[in-house]
C-alpha cells in the first residue's frame, strides 16, 4: 500500500517537480491547486514523465470546508508538503493583504485539519529571504532572522513561527522547514519547468525568454554592489535537486527519524554566483547570446547570500549535485520546448 501525500500548489514550478520525485519514490500523491499561477495540463505532463497520474483537485487552500472534504474524500494522507502561496516580492509590496491572507490562512487551515485526520507531519516551503542580508556568509540555519524586506518575506517568517507555536502547544504533528535558496532549471525531459504568467519575476525565465527573442534584453539591476563584478550574488539550486530534498525530508518524518519535532534545513548548493556570472555561464553552456544591459539597483534586493548546506548534507543525507551548466541547459531546453508547443 503506497503512502499518500498531499501536495498543495502541486501544479506549480517546484511543486510539479516534487510530485514527480515523490511518485518515482513510491508515494501516492494528491495535488491541490487553485491554478492561480499554473495550469491543469501540468498534471498531464507529470503523467508523461512518471507514467502515473496524480490525483488532482482544483481547490483553494483558503477554503477550510473544501479542505475538510478533501481529507475525508482521500483518507490516510500521512504527510503534507505545503507549496501553495503567492510569491512575487514586488506584488506583495503592492498588495500586502492579499499575501497575508493567501500565505498565512492557507497554512492555518492545514494545521487545524491535520490532527483531525491523523496527518503525521508537514514540510513547509520556506525561503532564505528570512535571513535578509546575513552578517556572515555562507549562511547557516543558526543565522539570526532579520526584519523582512517585503510582505512576502514576512509571511515566510510568520508561517515558520506559527508552525513552531502550533507544535509547541502540544499539537500531535511534526514539521520540517526547508529554506530554499534560488531554484532554477527544468526537468531533464523538458516536460515540466517554470512557466510564469506574464512578465517573469525571476531571473532565469527572463533570461531564457530574452535568449529566445521574446524579450528584447535582460536588465541587470546594478553593477555597483560590493561584489567582484558589482552584480548581486545568489545561490542557484537545480529544481530537481531541490525536489529530491522534499522526498528525503518526508521519509524522515514518516520514519520517525527527526531529532526534534520541528527541524530547519537550508537547501542550497553552498556556492554563490553573480547575475553577470550566471549570464556568462548560460552563454557558455548553450552557445546562445543573451542581450543585457546594466540598469539601476532594484529596491529590496540584498547584495549577496549563499547557503551553508552542510547540516542538510549531514542530517538528511541530501546534496545538491547537478553542475550549473547542466541546470542552465535544462532551462534552455524547456524554453525551446515551450516554443514548440506554441506557448509564449
Foldseek 3Di string as FASTA:
>chain_A
DAQEEEEEVLQAFLNVLLCLVCVVVRHAYEYEYLCPWGDPCSQVLSCVNRVDRHHYDHDQLLPLVVVLVVCVVPARRAEYEYDFADAQQVVCQVPVVRRLSRLPSSLVSCLVCCLVRVHAEYEYEAAPQQLPQFPDPADFPPTHGDDGQGSNNVSRVVSVVVVVVSVVVPRNYFYEYEHEWAEFFFPQVLSGHHDGDDQDSDDLVNQLCQLVPVDVAAEQAFQCFPDPRSGAKTFYFYSSLVSVLVVLVVCCRVVVVDPDRYHYFYDGQSDIDGSVRLQVLLCVLPVTHGHYDYDHHDRRDHRYYGHPRVVCCPSSVGHRDDDSSVRSVRSNSSSVVCVVVVHD
